[in-house]
Amino acid sequence: MISDLSGLVAPLSVAEFQKLLCARQPKLVRGNGDGGRYAELLDWRGLMNLVLNGDYPRKRLRLTQRGVPLPSIFYQDDNGPKAAIITQVMETVGSLIFYGIDPYVPAMSRLCAAIADEIGELILGSAIASTGAGGALPVHYDDTDLIVLQVEGSKRWLIEDDPVINPAAGMPFVAGGADPALILDEVLEPGDLLLVPGGYRHRCETLGDRSMHIGFFFYPLTAPRALDLLKRRMLADVADRKPIRFTWAERAEVEASLKRTLMERIDQMSLSDLLADHRLAGM
């Protein structure tokens, strides 16, 4: 069972993987043609059971067909997922998309926690299961780095060149060109690992009857994230939420006081505090 960063990125070393993260270049690492060690984290049957038994929050569940999201009312109601409908879609051409799946899969939850302890980043698990030709999502990019582990079936990945530089949560989407060049066009087989850095527009296509991959998002601490975490702390403080009202004559004094307050709050936060908040707050 994969239990730490070293096990996740093998045959790469941790040092090699961290170098790739810093370089922010896509990287495909071929496995041995066997996704078995990845399936120990989560396999197709376990994923389907998670959905059909209602163990995964229905508000997070996404079902698409040929890359187009289906209305949630079509496949779930107040009683949970409509198993017959989901099964029918997944027997033809469909995709189930899971973000933040790790809390509901013990092996992935332990792995995310272990990696977070090791490198101090927020780590979130994901999974996509698809059937039939086509992909689960249209061309898009993620706002952070992603490791893809191909568990079952084959999937063709197309990654465009000319990425968005240093994307961050909350940024407006930046569209790509009409006829983009590709930096990677490869088919992933079970056991293969793919690093997709944040900002690289990509899409993937299922080949064969069905395909499943799991992913791990690596969210590092950034300056905008630090300010967001500071804001969350200030929102919890009654004094910091006090309205700022003043006359024009008081403007300079109020401005100086506001700057002092903000600087004091920044000075009170240590890097250790920020990293702890970063991991606990989620995205």
C-alpha atoms as a PDB file:
ATOM      1  CA  MET A   1       0.000   0.000   0.000  1.00  0.00           C
ATOM      2  CA  ILE A   2       1.309   3.468  -0.913  1.00  0.00           C
ATOM      3  CA  SER A   3       1.721   5.340   2.373  1.00  0.00           C
ATOM      4  CA  ASP A   4       3.950   8.355   1.694  1.00  0.00           C
ATOM      5  CA  LEU A   5       5.309  10.688  -0.995  1.00  0.00           C
ATOM      6  CA  SER A   6       8.146   8.326  -1.831  1.00  0.00           C
ATOM      7  CA  GLY A   7       5.722   5.518  -2.561  1.00  0.00           C
ATOM      8  CA  LEU A   8       3.420   7.789  -4.545  1.00  0.00           C
ATOM      9  CA  VAL A   9       6.014   9.130  -6.983  1.00  0.00           C
ATOM     10  CA  ALA A  10       8.145   5.969  -7.383  1.00  0.00           C
ATOM     11  CA  PRO A  11      10.120   5.212  -9.514  1.00  0.00           C
ATOM     12  CA  LEU A  12      10.993   8.903  -9.196  1.00  0.00           C
ATOM     13  CA  SER A  13      12.831   9.876  -6.041  1.00  0.00           C
ATOM     14  CA  VAL A  14      11.292  12.533  -3.804  1.00  0.00           C
ATOM     15  CA  ALA A  15      14.125  14.903  -4.771  1.00  0.00           C
ATOM     16  CA  GLU A  16      13.469  14.328  -8.485  1.00  0.00           C
ATOM     17  CA  PHE A  17       9.754  14.900  -8.005  1.00  0.00           C
ATOM     18  CA  GLN A  18      10.248  18.127  -6.045  1.00  0.00           C
ATOM     19  CA  LYS A  19      12.596  19.357  -8.772  1.00  0.00           C
ATOM     20  CA  LEU A  20       9.861  18.701 -11.345  1.00  0.00           C
ATOM     21  CA  LEU A  21       7.328  20.592  -9.202  1.00  0.00           C
ATOM     22  CA  CYS A  22       9.624  23.610  -9.122  1.00  0.00           C
ATOM     23  CA  ALA A  23      10.299  23.391 -12.870  1.00  0.00           C
ATOM     24  CA  ARG A  24       6.532  23.225 -13.556  1.00  0.00           C
ATOM     25  CA  GLN A  25       6.856  21.094 -16.659  1.00  0.00           C
ATOM     26  CA  PRO A  26       4.519  18.184 -17.498  1.00  0.00           C
ATOM     27  CA  LYS A  27       6.151  14.809 -16.946  1.00  0.00           C
ATOM     28  CA  LEU A  28       5.013  11.304 -17.864  1.00  0.00           C
ATOM     29  CA  VAL A  29       6.532   8.398 -15.942  1.00  0.00           C
ATOM     30  CA  ARG A  30       5.785   4.969 -17.321  1.00  0.00           C
ATOM     31  CA  GLY A  31       4.904   2.170 -14.931  1.00  0.00           C
ATOM     32  CA  ASN A  32       5.118  -1.533 -15.489  1.00  0.00           C
ATOM     33  CA  GLY A  33       1.729  -1.856 -17.156  1.00  0.00           C
ATOM     34  CA  ASP A  34       0.044  -2.782 -13.901  1.00  0.00           C
ATOM     35  CA  GLY A  35      -2.105  -0.320 -11.971  1.00  0.00           C
ATOM     36  CA  GLY A  36      -2.447  -2.748  -9.084  1.00  0.00           C
ATOM     37  CA  ARG A  37      -0.561  -0.714  -6.518  1.00  0.00           C
ATOM     38  CA  TYR A  38      -2.693   2.301  -7.397  1.00  0.00           C
ATOM     39  CA  ALA A  39      -5.858   0.191  -7.188  1.00  0.00           C
ATOM     40  CA  GLU A  40      -4.943  -0.563  -3.581  1.00  0.00           C
ATOM     41  CA  LEU A  41      -5.797   3.069  -2.875  1.00  0.00           C
ATOM     42  CA  LEU A  42      -9.098   2.922  -4.785  1.00  0.00           C
ATOM     43  CA  ASP A  43     -10.386   0.667  -7.563  1.00  0.00           C
ATOM     44  CA  TRP A  44     -13.382   0.779  -9.900  1.00  0.00           C
ATOM     45  CA  ARG A  45     -15.642  -1.290  -7.649  1.00  0.00           C
ATOM     46  CA  GLY A  46     -14.790   0.779  -4.589  1.00  0.00           C
ATOM     47  CA  LEU A  47     -15.503   3.977  -6.484  1.00  0.00           C
ATOM     48  CA  MET A  48     -18.865   2.766  -7.746  1.00  0.00           C
ATOM     49  CA  ASN A  49     -19.852   1.549  -4.288  1.00  0.00           C
ATOM     50  CA  LEU A  50     -18.962   4.960  -2.873  1.00  0.00           C
ATOM     51  CA  VAL A  51     -21.501   6.518  -5.217  1.00  0.00           C
ATOM     52  CA  LEU A  52     -24.290   3.972  -5.256  1.00  0.00           C
ATOM     53  CA  ASN A  53     -24.259   3.496  -1.469  1.00  0.00           C
ATOM     54  CA  GLY A  54     -24.488   7.254  -0.939  1.00  0.00           C
ATOM     55  CA  ASP A  55     -21.197   7.419   0.990  1.00  0.00           C
ATOM     56  CA  TYR A  56     -19.900  10.318  -1.129  1.00  0.00           C
ATOM     57  CA  PRO A  57     -21.750  13.633  -0.538  1.00  0.00           C
ATOM     58  CA  ARG A  58     -24.355  14.030  -3.252  1.00  0.00           C
ATOM     59  CA  LYS A  59     -23.728  17.783  -3.453  1.00  0.00           C
ATOM     60  CA  ARG A  60     -20.180  17.066  -4.611  1.00  0.00           C
ATOM     61  CA  LEU A  61     -21.033  14.356  -7.101  1.00  0.00           C
ATOM     62  CA  ARG A  62     -20.783  15.230 -10.795  1.00  0.00           C
ATOM     63  CA  LEU A  63     -21.986  13.085 -13.666  1.00  0.00           C
ATOM     64  CA  THR A  64     -21.166  14.083 -17.234  1.00  0.00           C
ATOM     65  CA  GLN A  65     -21.943  12.640 -20.647  1.00  0.00           C
ATOM     66  CA  ARG A  66     -19.526  13.291 -23.521  1.00  0.00           C
ATOM     67  CA  GLY A  67     -17.975  16.074 -21.470  1.00  0.00           C
ATOM     68  CA  VAL A  68     -21.282  17.830 -20.768  1.00  0.00           C
ATOM     69  CA  PRO A  69     -22.465  18.037 -17.124  1.00  0.00           C
ATOM     70  CA  LEU A  70     -25.856  16.428 -16.534  1.00  0.00           C
ATOM     71  CA  PRO A  71     -28.359  18.270 -14.281  1.00  0.00           C
ATOM     72  CA  SER A  72     -28.073  16.879 -10.760  1.00  0.00           C
ATOM     73  CA  ILE A  73     -31.857  16.484 -10.560  1.00  0.00           C
ATOM     74  CA  PHE A  74     -31.517  13.854 -13.309  1.00  0.00           C
ATOM     75  CA  TYR A  75     -29.372  11.476 -11.242  1.00  0.00           C
ATOM     76  CA  GLN A  76     -30.049  12.327  -7.592  1.00  0.00           C
ATOM     77  CA  ASP A  77     -32.826  13.497  -5.305  1.00  0.00           C
ATOM     78  CA  ASP A  78     -33.404  14.155  -1.601  1.00  0.00           C
ATOM     79  CA  ASN A  79     -32.970  10.457  -0.905  1.00  0.00           C
ATOM     80  CA  GLY A  80     -29.534  10.354  -2.510  1.00  0.00           C
ATOM     81  CA  PRO A  81     -28.172   9.123  -5.848  1.00  0.00           C
ATOM     82  CA  LYS A  82     -30.472   7.413  -8.329  1.00  0.00           C
ATOM     83  CA  ALA A  83     -28.519   4.188  -8.713  1.00  0.00           C
ATOM     84  CA  ALA A  84     -30.423   2.964 -11.781  1.00  0.00           C
ATOM     85  CA  ILE A  85     -29.854   6.218 -13.695  1.00  0.00           C
ATOM     86  CA  ILE A  86     -26.160   6.436 -12.803  1.00  0.00           C
ATOM     87  CA  THR A  87     -25.624   2.790 -13.729  1.00  0.00           C
ATOM     88  CA  GLN A  88     -27.407   3.295 -17.051  1.00  0.00           C
ATOM     89  CA  VAL A  89     -25.300   6.326 -17.978  1.00  0.00           C
ATOM     90  CA  MET A  90     -22.076   4.602 -16.935  1.00  0.00           C
ATOM     91  CA  GLU A  91     -22.950   1.541 -19.045  1.00  0.00           C
ATOM     92  CA  THR A  92     -22.942   3.692 -22.196  1.00  0.00           C
ATOM     93  CA  VAL A  93     -20.930   6.920 -22.357  1.00  0.00           C
ATOM     94  CA  GLY A  94     -20.511   8.706 -19.060  1.00  0.00           C
ATOM     95  CA  SER A  95     -18.101   9.981 -16.438  1.00  0.00           C
ATOM     96  CA  LEU A  96     -18.222  10.305 -12.683  1.00  0.00           C
ATOM     97  CA  ILE A  97     -16.042  13.073 -11.274  1.00  0.00           C
ATOM     98  CA  PHE A  98     -14.966  13.226  -7.646  1.00  0.00           C
ATOM     99  CA  TYR A  99     -13.172  16.204  -6.110  1.00  0.00           C
ATOM    100  CA  GLY A 100     -12.069  16.085  -2.481  1.00  0.00           C
ATOM    101  CA  ILE A 101     -12.675  12.357  -2.340  1.00  0.00           C
ATOM    102  CA  ASP A 102      -9.913  11.585   0.159  1.00  0.00           C
ATOM    103  CA  PRO A 103     -11.986  12.032   3.380  1.00  0.00           C
ATOM    104  CA  TYR A 104     -14.254   9.207   2.175  1.00  0.00           C
ATOM    105  CA  VAL A 105     -11.498   6.776   1.170  1.00  0.00           C
ATOM    106  CA  PRO A 106      -9.359   5.824   4.203  1.00  0.00           C
ATOM    107  CA  ALA A 107      -6.258   4.836   2.205  1.00  0.00           C
ATOM    108  CA  MET A 108      -6.280   8.113   0.249  1.00  0.00           C
ATOM    109  CA  SER A 109      -7.024  10.127   3.392  1.00  0.00           C
ATOM    110  CA  ARG A 110      -4.008   8.661   5.192  1.00  0.00           C
ATOM    111  CA  LEU A 111      -1.790   9.247   2.174  1.00  0.00           C
ATOM    112  CA  CYS A 112      -2.874  12.890   1.776  1.00  0.00           C
ATOM    113  CA  ALA A 113      -2.208  13.511   5.481  1.00  0.00           C
ATOM    114  CA  ALA A 114       1.217  11.853   5.308  1.00  0.00           C
ATOM    115  CA  ILE A 115       2.303  13.905   2.288  1.00  0.00           C
ATOM    116  CA  ALA A 116       0.976  17.107   3.844  1.00  0.00           C
ATOM    117  CA  ASP A 117       3.006  16.388   6.990  1.00  0.00           C
ATOM    118  CA  GLU A 118       6.081  15.747   4.881  1.00  0.00           C
ATOM    119  CA  ILE A 119       6.048  18.824   2.621  1.00  0.00           C
ATOM    120  CA  GLY A 120       3.686  21.256   4.356  1.00  0.00           C
ATOM    121  CA  GLU A 121       1.254  21.633   1.461  1.00  0.00           C
ATOM    122  CA  LEU A 122      -2.489  21.037   1.251  1.00  0.00           C
ATOM    123  CA  ILE A 123      -3.085  17.725  -0.550  1.00  0.00           C
ATOM    124  CA  LEU A 124      -6.519  16.786  -1.906  1.00  0.00           C
ATOM    125  CA  GLY A 125      -7.554  13.538  -3.600  1.00  0.00           C
ATOM    126  CA  SER A 126      -9.684  13.161  -6.711  1.00  0.00           C
ATOM    127  CA  ALA A 127     -10.890  10.476  -9.094  1.00  0.00           C
ATOM    128  CA  ILE A 128     -12.534  10.210 -12.509  1.00  0.00           C
ATOM    129  CA  ALA A 129     -14.203   7.100 -13.902  1.00  0.00           C
ATOM    130  CA  SER A 130     -15.293   7.121 -17.552  1.00  0.00           C
ATOM    131  CA  THR A 131     -16.919   4.771 -20.043  1.00  0.00           C
ATOM    132  CA  GLY A 132     -17.172   4.953 -23.814  1.00  0.00           C
ATOM    133  CA  ALA A 133     -15.335   7.268 -26.165  1.00  0.00           C
ATOM    134  CA  GLY A 134     -14.660  10.875 -25.267  1.00  0.00           C
ATOM    135  CA  GLY A 135     -13.715  12.675 -22.105  1.00  0.00           C
ATOM    136  CA  ALA A 136     -15.183  13.685 -18.774  1.00  0.00           C
ATOM    137  CA  LEU A 137     -14.389  17.387 -19.095  1.00  0.00           C
ATOM    138  CA  PRO A 138     -13.735  19.954 -21.824  1.00  0.00           C
ATOM    139  CA  VAL A 139     -10.350  21.627 -22.189  1.00  0.00           C
ATOM    140  CA  HIS A 140      -9.463  23.260 -18.881  1.00  0.00           C
ATOM    141  CA  TYR A 141      -6.602  23.932 -16.505  1.00  0.00           C
ATOM    142  CA  ASP A 142      -6.269  23.497 -12.766  1.00  0.00           C
ATOM    143  CA  ASP A 143      -5.104  26.197 -10.386  1.00  0.00           C
ATOM    144  CA  THR A 144      -2.579  23.888  -8.771  1.00  0.00           C
ATOM    145  CA  ASP A 145      -0.331  20.928  -9.586  1.00  0.00           C
ATOM    146  CA  LEU A 146      -1.854  17.505 -10.193  1.00  0.00           C
ATOM    147  CA  ILE A 147      -0.451  13.978 -10.097  1.00  0.00           C
ATOM    148  CA  VAL A 148      -2.490  11.510 -12.154  1.00  0.00           C
ATOM    149  CA  LEU A 149      -2.282   7.763 -11.489  1.00  0.00           C
ATOM    150  CA  GLN A 150      -3.841   5.562 -14.160  1.00  0.00           C
ATOM    151  CA  VAL A 151      -5.600   2.710 -12.361  1.00  0.00           C
ATOM    152  CA  GLU A 152      -7.639   0.966 -15.034  1.00  0.00           C
ATOM    153  CA  GLY A 153      -8.070   1.190 -18.800  1.00  0.00           C
ATOM    154  CA  SER A 154      -6.365   3.634 -21.135  1.00  0.00           C
ATOM    155  CA  LYS A 155      -6.673   7.372 -21.477  1.00  0.00           C
ATOM    156  CA  ARG A 156      -5.173   9.752 -24.004  1.00  0.00           C
ATOM    157  CA  TRP A 157      -3.928  13.008 -22.492  1.00  0.00           C
ATOM    158  CA  LEU A 158      -3.403  16.130 -24.575  1.00  0.00           C
ATOM    159  CA  ILE A 159      -1.639  19.022 -22.812  1.00  0.00           C
ATOM    160  CA  GLU A 160      -1.309  22.390 -24.494  1.00  0.00           C
ATOM    161  CA  ASP A 161       1.800  24.513 -24.495  1.00  0.00           C
ATOM    162  CA  ASP A 162       1.693  28.187 -23.377  1.00  0.00           C
ATOM    163  CA  PRO A 163       0.298  27.718 -19.841  1.00  0.00           C
ATOM    164  CA  VAL A 164      -1.205  30.311 -17.516  1.00  0.00           C
ATOM    165  CA  ILE A 165       1.677  31.304 -15.250  1.00  0.00           C
ATOM    166  CA  ASN A 166       1.196  30.751 -11.507  1.00  0.00           C
ATOM    167  CA  PRO A 167      -2.595  30.343 -11.511  1.00  0.00           C
ATOM    168  CA  ALA A 168      -4.344  30.702  -8.168  1.00  0.00           C
ATOM    169  CA  ALA A 169      -7.792  29.943  -6.789  1.00  0.00           C
ATOM    170  CA  GLY A 170     -10.185  32.793  -7.470  1.00  0.00           C
ATOM    171  CA  MET A 171      -8.469  34.032 -10.628  1.00  0.00           C
ATOM    172  CA  PRO A 172     -10.641  34.598 -13.708  1.00  0.00           C
ATOM    173  CA  PHE A 173     -10.345  31.809 -16.284  1.00  0.00           C
ATOM    174  CA  VAL A 174      -7.821  32.552 -19.046  1.00  0.00           C
ATOM    175  CA  ALA A 175      -8.774  31.058 -22.404  1.00  0.00           C
ATOM    176  CA  GLY A 176      -6.187  29.578 -24.724  1.00  0.00           C
ATOM    177  CA  GLY A 177      -5.625  30.116 -28.421  1.00  0.00           C
ATOM    178  CA  ALA A 178      -7.812  28.722 -31.184  1.00  0.00           C
ATOM    179  CA  ASP A 179      -5.168  26.322 -32.538  1.00  0.00           C
ATOM    180  CA  PRO A 180      -2.813  25.586 -29.646  1.00  0.00           C
ATOM    181  CA  ALA A 181       0.413  23.638 -29.916  1.00  0.00           C
ATOM    182  CA  LEU A 182       0.723  20.548 -27.750  1.00  0.00           C
ATOM    183  CA  ILE A 183       3.517  19.902 -25.296  1.00  0.00           C
ATOM    184  CA  LEU A 184       2.293  16.355 -24.615  1.00  0.00           C
ATOM    185  CA  ASP A 185       0.088  13.860 -26.469  1.00  0.00           C
ATOM    186  CA  GLU A 186       0.355  10.440 -24.820  1.00  0.00           C
ATOM    187  CA  VAL A 187      -1.768   7.458 -23.852  1.00  0.00           C
ATOM    188  CA  LEU A 188      -1.674   6.478 -20.182  1.00  0.00           C
ATOM    189  CA  GLU A 189      -1.839   2.801 -19.314  1.00  0.00           C
ATOM    190  CA  PRO A 190      -2.368   1.216 -15.878  1.00  0.00           C
ATOM    191  CA  GLY A 191       0.596   1.969 -13.645  1.00  0.00           C
ATOM    192  CA  ASP A 192       1.560   5.202 -15.446  1.00  0.00           C
ATOM    193  CA  LEU A 193       2.014   8.490 -13.588  1.00  0.00           C
ATOM    194  CA  LEU A 194       1.530  11.949 -15.084  1.00  0.00           C
ATOM    195  CA  LEU A 195       2.436  15.300 -13.528  1.00  0.00           C
ATOM    196  CA  VAL A 196       0.226  18.125 -14.823  1.00  0.00           C
ATOM    197  CA  PRO A 197       1.424  21.450 -13.394  1.00  0.00           C
ATOM    198  CA  GLY A 198      -1.140  24.125 -12.638  1.00  0.00           C
ATOM    199  CA  GLY A 199      -2.025  26.377 -15.562  1.00  0.00           C
ATOM    200  CA  TYR A 200      -1.548  23.816 -18.337  1.00  0.00           C
ATOM    201  CA  ARG A 201      -4.725  23.475 -20.376  1.00  0.00           C
ATOM    202  CA  HIS A 202      -5.527  19.847 -21.007  1.00  0.00           C
ATOM    203  CA  ARG A 203      -8.159  17.314 -21.925  1.00  0.00           C
ATOM    204  CA  CYS A 204      -8.212  13.532 -21.891  1.00  0.00           C
ATOM    205  CA  GLU A 205     -10.070  10.906 -23.880  1.00  0.00           C
ATOM    206  CA  THR A 206     -11.095   7.444 -22.724  1.00  0.00           C
ATOM    207  CA  LEU A 207      -9.876   4.618 -24.957  1.00  0.00           C
ATOM    208  CA  GLY A 208     -11.728   1.317 -24.788  1.00  0.00           C
ATOM    209  CA  ASP A 209     -14.687   0.358 -22.639  1.00  0.00           C
ATOM    210  CA  ARG A 210     -13.783   2.149 -19.429  1.00  0.00           C
ATOM    211  CA  SER A 211     -11.015   4.059 -17.748  1.00  0.00           C
ATOM    212  CA  MET A 212     -10.287   5.222 -14.233  1.00  0.00           C
ATOM    213  CA  HIS A 213      -7.602   7.413 -12.747  1.00  0.00           C
ATOM    214  CA  ILE A 214      -7.072   8.909  -9.331  1.00  0.00           C
ATOM    215  CA  GLY A 215      -5.326  12.203  -8.729  1.00  0.00           C
ATOM    216  CA  PHE A 216      -3.684  14.222  -6.024  1.00  0.00           C
ATOM    217  CA  PHE A 217      -3.760  18.016  -6.076  1.00  0.00           C
ATOM    218  CA  PHE A 218      -0.773  19.759  -4.476  1.00  0.00           C
ATOM    219  CA  TYR A 219      -1.713  23.210  -3.151  1.00  0.00           C
ATOM    220  CA  PRO A 220       1.367  25.158  -1.989  1.00  0.00           C
ATOM    221  CA  LEU A 221       1.158  28.224   0.190  1.00  0.00           C
ATOM    222  CA  THR A 222       1.120  31.496  -1.789  1.00  0.00           C
ATOM    223  CA  ALA A 223       0.979  35.163  -0.811  1.00  0.00           C
ATOM    224  CA  PRO A 224      -2.692  35.514  -1.910  1.00  0.00           C
ATOM    225  CA  ARG A 225      -3.522  32.359   0.042  1.00  0.00           C
ATOM    226  CA  ALA A 226      -1.757  33.766   3.127  1.00  0.00           C
ATOM    227  CA  LEU A 227      -3.890  36.914   2.893  1.00  0.00           C
ATOM    228  CA  ASP A 228      -7.028  34.784   2.530  1.00  0.00           C
ATOM    229  CA  LEU A 229      -6.101  32.834   5.662  1.00  0.00           C
ATOM    230  CA  LEU A 230      -5.442  36.095   7.517  1.00  0.00           C
ATOM    231  CA  LYS A 231      -8.860  37.349   6.443  1.00  0.00           C
ATOM    232  CA  ARG A 232     -10.491  34.195   7.822  1.00  0.00           C
ATOM    233  CA  ARG A 233      -8.838  34.780  11.179  1.00  0.00           C
ATOM    234  CA  MET A 234      -9.932  38.414  11.225  1.00  0.00           C
ATOM    235  CA  LEU A 235     -13.506  37.448  10.379  1.00  0.00           C
ATOM    236  CA  ALA A 236     -13.551  35.359  13.563  1.00  0.00           C
ATOM    237  CA  ASP A 237     -12.531  38.395  15.667  1.00  0.00           C
ATOM    238  CA  VAL A 238     -15.333  40.738  16.742  1.00  0.00           C
ATOM    239  CA  ALA A 239     -12.980  43.720  17.052  1.00  0.00           C
ATOM    240  CA  ASP A 240     -11.523  43.212  13.567  1.00  0.00           C
ATOM    241  CA  ARG A 241     -15.038  43.201  12.090  1.00  0.00           C
ATOM    242  CA  LYS A 242     -15.863  46.645  13.471  1.00  0.00           C
ATOM    243  CA  PRO A 243     -17.126  48.993  10.711  1.00  0.00           C
ATOM    244  CA  ILE A 244     -14.716  51.771   9.737  1.00  0.00           C
ATOM    245  CA  ARG A 245     -16.634  55.049   9.569  1.00  0.00           C
ATOM    246  CA  PHE A 246     -15.095  58.490   9.697  1.00  0.00           C
ATOM    247  CA  THR A 247     -15.357  62.080   8.617  1.00  0.00           C
ATOM    248  CA  TRP A 248     -13.147  63.437   5.838  1.00  0.00           C
ATOM    249  CA  ALA A 249     -11.047  65.275   8.417  1.00  0.00           C
ATOM    250  CA  GLU A 250     -10.289  61.957  10.161  1.00  0.00           C
ATOM    251  CA  ARG A 251      -9.176  60.197   6.973  1.00  0.00           C
ATOM    252  CA  ALA A 252      -5.415  60.321   7.524  1.00  0.00           C
ATOM    253  CA  GLU A 253      -5.688  59.117  11.121  1.00  0.00           C
ATOM    254  CA  VAL A 254      -8.020  56.267  10.180  1.00  0.00           C
ATOM    255  CA  GLU A 255      -5.764  55.208   7.310  1.00  0.00           C
ATOM    256  CA  ALA A 256      -2.742  55.042   9.629  1.00  0.00           C
ATOM    257  CA  SER A 257      -4.725  53.064  12.218  1.00  0.00           C
ATOM    258  CA  LEU A 258      -5.955  50.598   9.593  1.00  0.00           C
ATOM    259  CA  LYS A 259      -2.444  49.981   8.316  1.00  0.00           C
ATOM    260  CA  ARG A 260      -1.207  49.416  11.875  1.00  0.00           C
ATOM    261  CA  THR A 261      -3.966  46.880  12.522  1.00  0.00           C
ATOM    262  CA  LEU A 262      -3.217  44.957   9.354  1.00  0.00           C
ATOM    263  CA  MET A 263       0.519  44.956  10.002  1.00  0.00           C
ATOM    264  CA  GLU A 264      -0.033  43.803  13.588  1.00  0.00           C
ATOM    265  CA  ARG A 265      -2.143  40.882  12.379  1.00  0.00           C
ATOM    266  CA  ILE A 266       0.532  39.921   9.854  1.00  0.00           C
ATOM    267  CA  ASP A 267       3.274  40.157  12.495  1.00  0.00           C
ATOM    268  CA  GLN A 268       1.248  37.928  14.819  1.00  0.00           C
ATOM    269  CA  MET A 269       1.104  35.101  12.276  1.00  0.00           C
ATOM    270  CA  SER A 270       4.056  32.750  11.942  1.00  0.00           C
ATOM    271  CA  LEU A 271       4.834  30.565   8.971  1.00  0.00           C
ATOM    272  CA  SER A 272       3.910  27.557  11.111  1.00  0.00           C
ATOM    273  CA  ASP A 273       0.493  29.119  11.813  1.00  0.00           C
ATOM    274  CA  LEU A 274      -0.042  29.797   8.110  1.00  0.00           C
ATOM    275  CA  LEU A 275       0.870  26.261   7.073  1.00  0.00           C
ATOM    276  CA  ALA A 276      -1.393  24.769   9.746  1.00  0.00           C
ATOM    277  CA  ASP A 277      -4.296  26.994   8.680  1.00  0.00           C
ATOM    278  CA  HIS A 278      -3.570  26.264   5.008  1.00  0.00           C
ATOM    279  CA  ARG A 279      -3.975  22.532   5.553  1.00  0.00           C
ATOM    280  CA  LEU A 280      -7.003  22.747   7.841  1.00  0.00           C
ATOM    281  CA  ALA A 281      -8.989  25.349   5.927  1.00  0.00           C
ATOM    282  CA  GLY A 282      -9.247  23.413   2.664  1.00  0.00           C
ATOM    283  CA  MET A 283      -9.953  25.198  -0.593  1.00  0.00           C
END
